[in-house]
Amino acid sequence: GIVAVAGGRIRGFALMHYLDAEAHLLLLAVTP
């Protein structure tokens, strides 16, 4: 789980699950 932070606030985030040979991007959002 990662976040993009600017001015002390979360501006976007993503969650990605890893398997052996592939990964699944579960969520990605950026504030408008």
Full PDB file with SEQRES, HELIX, SHEET, SSBOND, CRYST1, ORIGX, SCALE, CONECT and MASTER records, all heavy atoms in Angstrom:
SEQRES   1 A   32  GLY ILE VAL ALA VAL ALA GLY GLY ARG ILE ARG GLY PHE          
SEQRES   2 A   32  ALA LEU MET HIS TYR LEU ASP ALA GLU ALA HIS LEU LEU          
SEQRES   3 A   32  LEU LEU ALA VAL THR PRO                                      
SHEET    1 AA1 3 ILE A   2  ALA A   6  0                                        
SHEET    2 AA1 3 ARG A   9  TYR A  18 -1                                        
SHEET    3 AA1 3 ALA A  23  VAL A  30 -1                                        
CRYST1    1.000    1.000    1.000  90.00  90.00  90.00 P 1           1          
ORIGX1      1.000000  0.000000  0.000000        0.00000                         
ORIGX2      0.000000  1.000000  0.000000        0.00000                         
ORIGX3      0.000000  0.000000  1.000000        0.00000                         
SCALE1      1.000000  0.000000  0.000000        0.00000                         
SCALE2      0.000000  1.000000  0.000000        0.00000                         
SCALE3      0.000000  0.000000  1.000000        0.00000                         
ATOM      1  N   GLY A   1       0.867  -1.164   0.000  1.00  0.00           N  
ATOM      2  CA  GLY A   1       0.000   0.000   0.000  1.00  0.00           C  
ATOM      3  C   GLY A   1       0.905   1.214   0.000  1.00  0.00           C  
ATOM      4  O   GLY A   1       1.811   1.310   0.831  1.00  0.00           O  
ATOM      5  N   ILE A   2       0.692   2.121  -0.949  1.00  0.00           N  
ATOM      6  CA  ILE A   2       1.512   3.328  -1.022  1.00  0.00           C  
ATOM      7  C   ILE A   2       0.609   4.551  -1.109  1.00  0.00           C  
ATOM      8  O   ILE A   2      -0.546   4.461  -1.529  1.00  0.00           O  
ATOM      9  CB  ILE A   2       2.493   3.293  -2.216  1.00  0.00           C  
ATOM     10  CG1 ILE A   2       1.757   3.122  -3.548  1.00  0.00           C  
ATOM     11  CG2 ILE A   2       3.530   2.198  -2.016  1.00  0.00           C  
ATOM     12  CD1 ILE A   2       2.656   3.249  -4.777  1.00  0.00           C  
ATOM     13  N   VAL A   3       1.169   5.678  -0.695  1.00  0.00           N  
ATOM     14  CA  VAL A   3       0.441   6.941  -0.762  1.00  0.00           C  
ATOM     15  C   VAL A   3       1.334   8.002  -1.387  1.00  0.00           C  
ATOM     16  O   VAL A   3       2.558   7.974  -1.241  1.00  0.00           O  
ATOM     17  CB  VAL A   3      -0.037   7.413   0.632  1.00  0.00           C  
ATOM     18  CG1 VAL A   3      -1.103   6.487   1.193  1.00  0.00           C  
ATOM     19  CG2 VAL A   3       1.115   7.559   1.604  1.00  0.00           C  
ATOM     20  N   ALA A   4       0.700   8.923  -2.082  1.00  0.00           N  
ATOM     21  CA  ALA A   4       1.366  10.134  -2.576  1.00  0.00           C  
ATOM     22  C   ALA A   4       0.950  11.249  -1.630  1.00  0.00           C  
ATOM     23  O   ALA A   4      -0.252  11.461  -1.405  1.00  0.00           O  
ATOM     24  CB  ALA A   4       0.939  10.446  -4.002  1.00  0.00           C  
ATOM     25  N   VAL A   5       1.932  11.930  -1.056  1.00  0.00           N  
ATOM     26  CA  VAL A   5       1.667  12.946  -0.045  1.00  0.00           C  
ATOM     27  C   VAL A   5       2.214  14.293  -0.519  1.00  0.00           C  
ATOM     28  O   VAL A   5       3.340  14.377  -1.019  1.00  0.00           O  
ATOM     29  CB  VAL A   5       2.323  12.560   1.302  1.00  0.00           C  
ATOM     30  CG1 VAL A   5       2.072  13.618   2.355  1.00  0.00           C  
ATOM     31  CG2 VAL A   5       1.809  11.206   1.765  1.00  0.00           C  
ATOM     32  N   ALA A   6       1.403  15.331  -0.364  1.00  0.00           N  
ATOM     33  CA  ALA A   6       1.825  16.702  -0.664  1.00  0.00           C  
ATOM     34  C   ALA A   6       1.182  17.612   0.370  1.00  0.00           C  
ATOM     35  O   ALA A   6       0.004  17.449   0.703  1.00  0.00           O  
ATOM     36  CB  ALA A   6       1.401  17.114  -2.063  1.00  0.00           C  
ATOM     37  N   GLY A   7       1.959  18.526   0.896  1.00  0.00           N  
ATOM     38  CA  GLY A   7       1.413  19.445   1.889  1.00  0.00           C  
ATOM     39  C   GLY A   7       0.862  18.746   3.108  1.00  0.00           C  
ATOM     40  O   GLY A   7      -0.100  19.212   3.711  1.00  0.00           O  
ATOM     41  N   GLY A   8       1.436  17.589   3.448  1.00  0.00           N  
ATOM     42  CA  GLY A   8       0.985  16.837   4.615  1.00  0.00           C  
ATOM     43  C   GLY A   8      -0.316  16.076   4.421  1.00  0.00           C  
ATOM     44  O   GLY A   8      -0.847  15.504   5.377  1.00  0.00           O  
ATOM     45  N   ARG A   9      -0.839  16.045   3.193  1.00  0.00           N  
ATOM     46  CA  ARG A   9      -2.106  15.360   2.931  1.00  0.00           C  
ATOM     47  C   ARG A   9      -1.939  14.296   1.867  1.00  0.00           C  
ATOM     48  O   ARG A   9      -1.148  14.456   0.933  1.00  0.00           O  
ATOM     49  CB  ARG A   9      -3.153  16.374   2.469  1.00  0.00           C  
ATOM     50  CG  ARG A   9      -3.419  17.432   3.547  1.00  0.00           C  
ATOM     51  CD  ARG A   9      -4.502  18.382   3.166  1.00  0.00           C  
ATOM     52  NE  ARG A   9      -5.760  17.658   3.037  1.00  0.00           N  
ATOM     53  CZ  ARG A   9      -6.803  18.125   2.370  1.00  0.00           C  
ATOM     54  NH1 ARG A   9      -6.746  19.293   1.781  1.00  0.00           N  
ATOM     55  NH2 ARG A   9      -7.910  17.423   2.295  1.00  0.00           N  
ATOM     56  N   ILE A  10      -2.697  13.229   1.997  1.00  0.00           N  
ATOM     57  CA  ILE A  10      -2.684  12.162   0.998  1.00  0.00           C  
ATOM     58  C   ILE A  10      -3.417  12.660  -0.243  1.00  0.00           C  
ATOM     59  O   ILE A  10      -4.567  13.087  -0.175  1.00  0.00           O  
ATOM     60  CB  ILE A  10      -3.331  10.878   1.550  1.00  0.00           C  
ATOM     61  CG1 ILE A  10      -2.466  10.310   2.681  1.00  0.00           C  
ATOM     62  CG2 ILE A  10      -3.531   9.847   0.437  1.00  0.00           C  
ATOM     63  CD1 ILE A  10      -3.058   9.123   3.392  1.00  0.00           C  
ATOM     64  N   ARG A  11      -2.711  12.594  -1.377  1.00  0.00           N  
ATOM     65  CA  ARG A  11      -3.266  13.065  -2.652  1.00  0.00           C  
ATOM     66  C   ARG A  11      -3.622  11.914  -3.585  1.00  0.00           C  
ATOM     67  O   ARG A  11      -4.286  12.105  -4.589  1.00  0.00           O  
ATOM     68  CB  ARG A  11      -2.276  13.991  -3.349  1.00  0.00           C  
ATOM     69  CG  ARG A  11      -1.785  15.137  -2.519  1.00  0.00           C  
ATOM     70  CD  ARG A  11      -2.918  16.005  -2.039  1.00  0.00           C  
ATOM     71  NE  ARG A  11      -2.399  17.091  -1.193  1.00  0.00           N  
ATOM     72  CZ  ARG A  11      -2.985  18.254  -1.057  1.00  0.00           C  
ATOM     73  NH1 ARG A  11      -4.127  18.499  -1.665  1.00  0.00           N  
ATOM     74  NH2 ARG A  11      -2.463  19.162  -0.273  1.00  0.00           N  
ATOM     75  N   GLY A  12      -3.152  10.717  -3.234  1.00  0.00           N  
ATOM     76  CA  GLY A  12      -3.448   9.536  -4.025  1.00  0.00           C  
ATOM     77  C   GLY A  12      -2.916   8.318  -3.304  1.00  0.00           C  
ATOM     78  O   GLY A  12      -2.090   8.438  -2.394  1.00  0.00           O  
ATOM     79  N   PHE A  13      -3.410   7.142  -3.697  1.00  0.00           N  
ATOM     80  CA  PHE A  13      -2.930   5.914  -3.071  1.00  0.00           C  
ATOM     81  C   PHE A  13      -3.140   4.744  -4.017  1.00  0.00           C  
ATOM     82  O   PHE A  13      -3.891   4.825  -4.991  1.00  0.00           O  
ATOM     83  CB  PHE A  13      -3.635   5.651  -1.737  1.00  0.00           C  
ATOM     84  CG  PHE A  13      -4.998   5.033  -1.865  1.00  0.00           C  
ATOM     85  CD1 PHE A  13      -5.169   3.669  -1.705  1.00  0.00           C  
ATOM     86  CD2 PHE A  13      -6.108   5.810  -2.152  1.00  0.00           C  
ATOM     87  CE1 PHE A  13      -6.422   3.089  -1.826  1.00  0.00           C  
ATOM     88  CE2 PHE A  13      -7.359   5.245  -2.274  1.00  0.00           C  
ATOM     89  CZ  PHE A  13      -7.521   3.873  -2.116  1.00  0.00           C  
ATOM     90  N   ALA A  14      -2.448   3.663  -3.710  1.00  0.00           N  
ATOM     91  CA  ALA A  14      -2.607   2.434  -4.485  1.00  0.00           C  
ATOM     92  C   ALA A  14      -2.349   1.236  -3.582  1.00  0.00           C  
ATOM     93  O   ALA A  14      -1.548   1.314  -2.651  1.00  0.00           O  
ATOM     94  CB  ALA A  14      -1.644   2.416  -5.669  1.00  0.00           C  
ATOM     95  N   LEU A  15      -3.034   0.143  -3.887  1.00  0.00           N  
ATOM     96  CA  LEU A  15      -2.819  -1.152  -3.232  1.00  0.00           C  
ATOM     97  C   LEU A  15      -2.569  -2.180  -4.325  1.00  0.00           C  
ATOM     98  O   LEU A  15      -3.341  -2.245  -5.297  1.00  0.00           O  
ATOM     99  CB  LEU A  15      -4.044  -1.591  -2.434  1.00  0.00           C  
ATOM    100  CG  LEU A  15      -4.456  -0.789  -1.218  1.00  0.00           C  
ATOM    101  CD1 LEU A  15      -5.755  -1.349  -0.644  1.00  0.00           C  
ATOM    102  CD2 LEU A  15      -3.376  -0.803  -0.167  1.00  0.00           C  
ATOM    103  N   MET A  16      -1.509  -2.979  -4.156  1.00  0.00           N  
ATOM    104  CA  MET A  16      -1.223  -4.027  -5.131  1.00  0.00           C  
ATOM    105  C   MET A  16      -0.821  -5.297  -4.406  1.00  0.00           C  
ATOM    106  O   MET A  16       0.004  -5.273  -3.496  1.00  0.00           O  
ATOM    107  CB  MET A  16      -0.125  -3.611  -6.109  1.00  0.00           C  
ATOM    108  CG  MET A  16       0.026  -4.615  -7.244  1.00  0.00           C  
ATOM    109  SD  MET A  16       0.732  -3.931  -8.759  1.00  0.00           S  
ATOM    110  CE  MET A  16       2.458  -3.909  -8.340  1.00  0.00           C  
ATOM    111  N   HIS A  17      -1.415  -6.400  -4.846  1.00  0.00           N  
ATOM    112  CA  HIS A  17      -1.151  -7.720  -4.277  1.00  0.00           C  
ATOM    113  C   HIS A  17      -0.225  -8.487  -5.221  1.00  0.00           C  
ATOM    114  O   HIS A  17      -0.451  -8.523  -6.431  1.00  0.00           O  
ATOM    115  CB  HIS A  17      -2.461  -8.488  -4.091  1.00  0.00           C  
ATOM    116  CG  HIS A  17      -2.288  -9.813  -3.459  1.00  0.00           C  
ATOM    117  ND1 HIS A  17      -2.013  -9.970  -2.123  1.00  0.00           N  
ATOM    118  CD2 HIS A  17      -2.327 -11.051  -3.983  1.00  0.00           C  
ATOM    119  CE1 HIS A  17      -1.891 -11.250  -1.858  1.00  0.00           C  
ATOM    120  NE2 HIS A  17      -2.076 -11.933  -2.970  1.00  0.00           N  
ATOM    121  N   TYR A  18       0.815  -9.097  -4.644  1.00  0.00           N  
ATOM    122  CA  TYR A  18       1.829  -9.800  -5.429  1.00  0.00           C  
ATOM    123  C   TYR A  18       1.661 -11.306  -5.305  1.00  0.00           C  
ATOM    124  O   TYR A  18       1.510 -11.830  -4.209  1.00  0.00           O  
ATOM    125  CB  TYR A  18       3.232  -9.428  -4.930  1.00  0.00           C  
ATOM    126  CG  TYR A  18       3.527  -7.961  -5.106  1.00  0.00           C  
ATOM    127  CD1 TYR A  18       3.085  -7.025  -4.178  1.00  0.00           C  
ATOM    128  CD2 TYR A  18       4.244  -7.507  -6.201  1.00  0.00           C  
ATOM    129  CE1 TYR A  18       3.331  -5.674  -4.346  1.00  0.00           C  
ATOM    130  CE2 TYR A  18       4.507  -6.164  -6.378  1.00  0.00           C  
ATOM    131  CZ  TYR A  18       4.042  -5.253  -5.450  1.00  0.00           C  
ATOM    132  OH  TYR A  18       4.292  -3.918  -5.615  1.00  0.00           O  
ATOM    133  N   LEU A  19       1.724 -11.984  -6.437  1.00  0.00           N  
ATOM    134  CA  LEU A  19       1.773 -13.437  -6.501  1.00  0.00           C  
ATOM    135  C   LEU A  19       3.160 -13.806  -7.018  1.00  0.00           C  
ATOM    136  O   LEU A  19       4.023 -12.950  -7.146  1.00  0.00           O  
ATOM    137  CB  LEU A  19       0.661 -13.954  -7.413  1.00  0.00           C  
ATOM    138  CG  LEU A  19      -0.752 -13.520  -7.002  1.00  0.00           C  
ATOM    139  CD1 LEU A  19      -1.745 -13.806  -8.108  1.00  0.00           C  
ATOM    140  CD2 LEU A  19      -1.163 -14.218  -5.717  1.00  0.00           C  
ATOM    141  N   ASP A  20       3.387 -15.061  -7.335  1.00  0.00           N  
ATOM    142  CA  ASP A  20       4.710 -15.476  -7.797  1.00  0.00           C  
ATOM    143  C   ASP A  20       5.135 -14.789  -9.091  1.00  0.00           C  
ATOM    144  O   ASP A  20       6.212 -14.224  -9.169  1.00  0.00           O  
ATOM    145  CB  ASP A  20       4.774 -16.994  -7.975  1.00  0.00           C  
ATOM    146  CG  ASP A  20       4.768 -17.724  -6.650  1.00  0.00           C  
ATOM    147  OD1 ASP A  20       5.123 -17.106  -5.630  1.00  0.00           O  
ATOM    148  OD2 ASP A  20       4.394 -18.909  -6.637  1.00  0.00           O  
ATOM    149  N   ALA A  21       4.309 -14.861 -10.118  1.00  0.00           N  
ATOM    150  CA  ALA A  21       4.703 -14.361 -11.427  1.00  0.00           C  
ATOM    151  C   ALA A  21       3.899 -13.144 -11.875  1.00  0.00           C  
ATOM    152  O   ALA A  21       4.200 -12.554 -12.898  1.00  0.00           O  
ATOM    153  CB  ALA A  21       4.566 -15.465 -12.470  1.00  0.00           C  
ATOM    154  N   GLU A  22       2.889 -12.781 -11.122  1.00  0.00           N  
ATOM    155  CA  GLU A  22       2.082 -11.624 -11.504  1.00  0.00           C  
ATOM    156  C   GLU A  22       1.616 -10.881 -10.270  1.00  0.00           C  
ATOM    157  O   GLU A  22       1.710 -11.370  -9.151  1.00  0.00           O  
ATOM    158  CB  GLU A  22       0.900 -12.032 -12.372  1.00  0.00           C  
ATOM    159  CG  GLU A  22      -0.154 -12.853 -11.674  1.00  0.00           C  
ATOM    160  CD  GLU A  22      -1.300 -13.219 -12.619  1.00  0.00           C  
ATOM    161  OE1 GLU A  22      -1.049 -13.718 -13.720  1.00  0.00           O  
ATOM    162  OE2 GLU A  22      -2.454 -12.993 -12.215  1.00  0.00           O  
ATOM    163  N   ALA A  23       1.144  -9.677 -10.516  1.00  0.00           N  
ATOM    164  CA  ALA A  23       0.604  -8.847  -9.443  1.00  0.00           C  
ATOM    165  C   ALA A  23      -0.760  -8.337  -9.884  1.00  0.00           C  
ATOM    166  O   ALA A  23      -1.060  -8.250 -11.078  1.00  0.00           O  
ATOM    167  CB  ALA A  23       1.541  -7.688  -9.144  1.00  0.00           C  
ATOM    168  N   HIS A  24      -1.592  -8.012  -8.900  1.00  0.00           N  
ATOM    169  CA  HIS A  24      -2.942  -7.515  -9.161  1.00  0.00           C  
ATOM    170  C   HIS A  24      -3.070  -6.138  -8.511  1.00  0.00           C  
ATOM    171  O   HIS A  24      -2.977  -6.030  -7.287  1.00  0.00           O  
ATOM    172  CB  HIS A  24      -3.974  -8.485  -8.600  1.00  0.00           C  
ATOM    173  CG  HIS A  24      -5.374  -8.128  -8.937  1.00  0.00           C  
ATOM    174  ND1 HIS A  24      -6.440  -8.601  -8.224  1.00  0.00           N  
ATOM    175  CD2 HIS A  24      -5.907  -7.357  -9.907  1.00  0.00           C  
ATOM    176  CE1 HIS A  24      -7.563  -8.120  -8.737  1.00  0.00           C  
ATOM    177  NE2 HIS A  24      -7.250  -7.367  -9.762  1.00  0.00           N  
ATOM    178  N   LEU A  25      -3.250  -5.119  -9.324  1.00  0.00           N  
ATOM    179  CA  LEU A  25      -3.479  -3.772  -8.811  1.00  0.00           C  
ATOM    180  C   LEU A  25      -4.916  -3.727  -8.313  1.00  0.00           C  
ATOM    181  O   LEU A  25      -5.864  -3.792  -9.091  1.00  0.00           O  
ATOM    182  CB  LEU A  25      -3.229  -2.727  -9.900  1.00  0.00           C  
ATOM    183  CG  LEU A  25      -3.409  -1.275  -9.503  1.00  0.00           C  
ATOM    184  CD1 LEU A  25      -2.509  -0.895  -8.329  1.00  0.00           C  
ATOM    185  CD2 LEU A  25      -3.140  -0.364 -10.694  1.00  0.00           C  
ATOM    186  N   LEU A  26      -5.058  -3.672  -7.005  1.00  0.00           N  
ATOM    187  CA  LEU A  26      -6.377  -3.743  -6.381  1.00  0.00           C  
ATOM    188  C   LEU A  26      -7.109  -2.409  -6.425  1.00  0.00           C  
ATOM    189  O   LEU A  26      -8.298  -2.354  -6.731  1.00  0.00           O  
ATOM    190  CB  LEU A  26      -6.236  -4.191  -4.923  1.00  0.00           C  
ATOM    191  CG  LEU A  26      -5.554  -5.538  -4.693  1.00  0.00           C  
ATOM    192  CD1 LEU A  26      -5.257  -5.737  -3.212  1.00  0.00           C  
ATOM    193  CD2 LEU A  26      -6.416  -6.656  -5.239  1.00  0.00           C  
ATOM    194  N   LEU A  27      -6.404  -1.336  -6.064  1.00  0.00           N  
ATOM    195  CA  LEU A  27      -6.994  -0.005  -5.997  1.00  0.00           C  
ATOM    196  C   LEU A  27      -5.969   1.037  -6.421  1.00  0.00           C  
ATOM    197  O   LEU A  27      -4.790   0.925  -6.080  1.00  0.00           O  
ATOM    198  CB  LEU A  27      -7.433   0.335  -4.567  1.00  0.00           C  
ATOM    199  CG  LEU A  27      -8.531  -0.494  -3.920  1.00  0.00           C  
ATOM    200  CD1 LEU A  27      -8.687  -0.106  -2.452  1.00  0.00           C  
ATOM    201  CD2 LEU A  27      -9.853  -0.315  -4.654  1.00  0.00           C  
ATOM    202  N   LEU A  28      -6.433   2.051  -7.116  1.00  0.00           N  
ATOM    203  CA  LEU A  28      -5.622   3.229  -7.438  1.00  0.00           C  
ATOM    204  C   LEU A  28      -6.571   4.408  -7.484  1.00  0.00           C  
ATOM    205  O   LEU A  28      -7.573   4.371  -8.206  1.00  0.00           O  
ATOM    206  CB  LEU A  28      -4.922   3.076  -8.783  1.00  0.00           C  
ATOM    207  CG  LEU A  28      -4.192   4.332  -9.276  1.00  0.00           C  
ATOM    208  CD1 LEU A  28      -2.932   4.575  -8.452  1.00  0.00           C  
ATOM    209  CD2 LEU A  28      -3.842   4.223 -10.745  1.00  0.00           C  
ATOM    210  N   ALA A  29      -6.267   5.428  -6.706  1.00  0.00           N  
ATOM    211  CA  ALA A  29      -7.101   6.624  -6.703  1.00  0.00           C  
ATOM    212  C   ALA A  29      -6.232   7.852  -6.523  1.00  0.00           C  
ATOM    213  O   ALA A  29      -5.243   7.823  -5.790  1.00  0.00           O  
ATOM    214  CB  ALA A  29      -8.135   6.565  -5.579  1.00  0.00           C  
ATOM    215  N   VAL A  30      -6.609   8.919  -7.197  1.00  0.00           N  
ATOM    216  CA  VAL A  30      -5.953  10.217  -7.070  1.00  0.00           C  
ATOM    217  C   VAL A  30      -7.053  11.235  -6.825  1.00  0.00           C  
ATOM    218  O   VAL A  30      -8.089  11.214  -7.501  1.00  0.00           O  
ATOM    219  CB  VAL A  30      -5.156  10.568  -8.350  1.00  0.00           C  
ATOM    220  CG1 VAL A  30      -4.565  11.962  -8.259  1.00  0.00           C  
ATOM    221  CG2 VAL A  30      -4.065   9.528  -8.601  1.00  0.00           C  
ATOM    222  N   THR A  31      -6.840  12.123  -5.860  1.00  0.00           N  
ATOM    223  CA  THR A  31      -7.850  13.137  -5.564  1.00  0.00           C  
ATOM    224  C   THR A  31      -8.072  14.006  -6.803  1.00  0.00           C  
ATOM    225  O   THR A  31      -7.147  14.236  -7.587  1.00  0.00           O  
ATOM    226  CB  THR A  31      -7.433  14.013  -4.370  1.00  0.00           C  
ATOM    227  OG1 THR A  31      -6.186  14.630  -4.662  1.00  0.00           O  
ATOM    228  CG2 THR A  31      -7.319  13.185  -3.092  1.00  0.00           C  
ATOM    229  N   PRO A  32      -9.288  14.480  -7.005  1.00  0.00           N  
ATOM    230  CA  PRO A  32      -9.591  15.255  -8.217  1.00  0.00           C  
ATOM    231  C   PRO A  32      -8.651  16.441  -8.443  1.00  0.00           C  
ATOM    232  O   PRO A  32      -8.251  16.699  -9.583  1.00  0.00           O  
ATOM    233  CB  PRO A  32     -11.036  15.717  -7.988  1.00  0.00           C  
ATOM    234  CG  PRO A  32     -11.628  14.639  -7.128  1.00  0.00           C  
ATOM    235  CD  PRO A  32     -10.505  14.229  -6.206  1.00  0.00           C  
TER     236      PRO A  32                                                      
MASTER        0    0    0    0    3    0    0    6  235    1    0    3          
END                                                                             
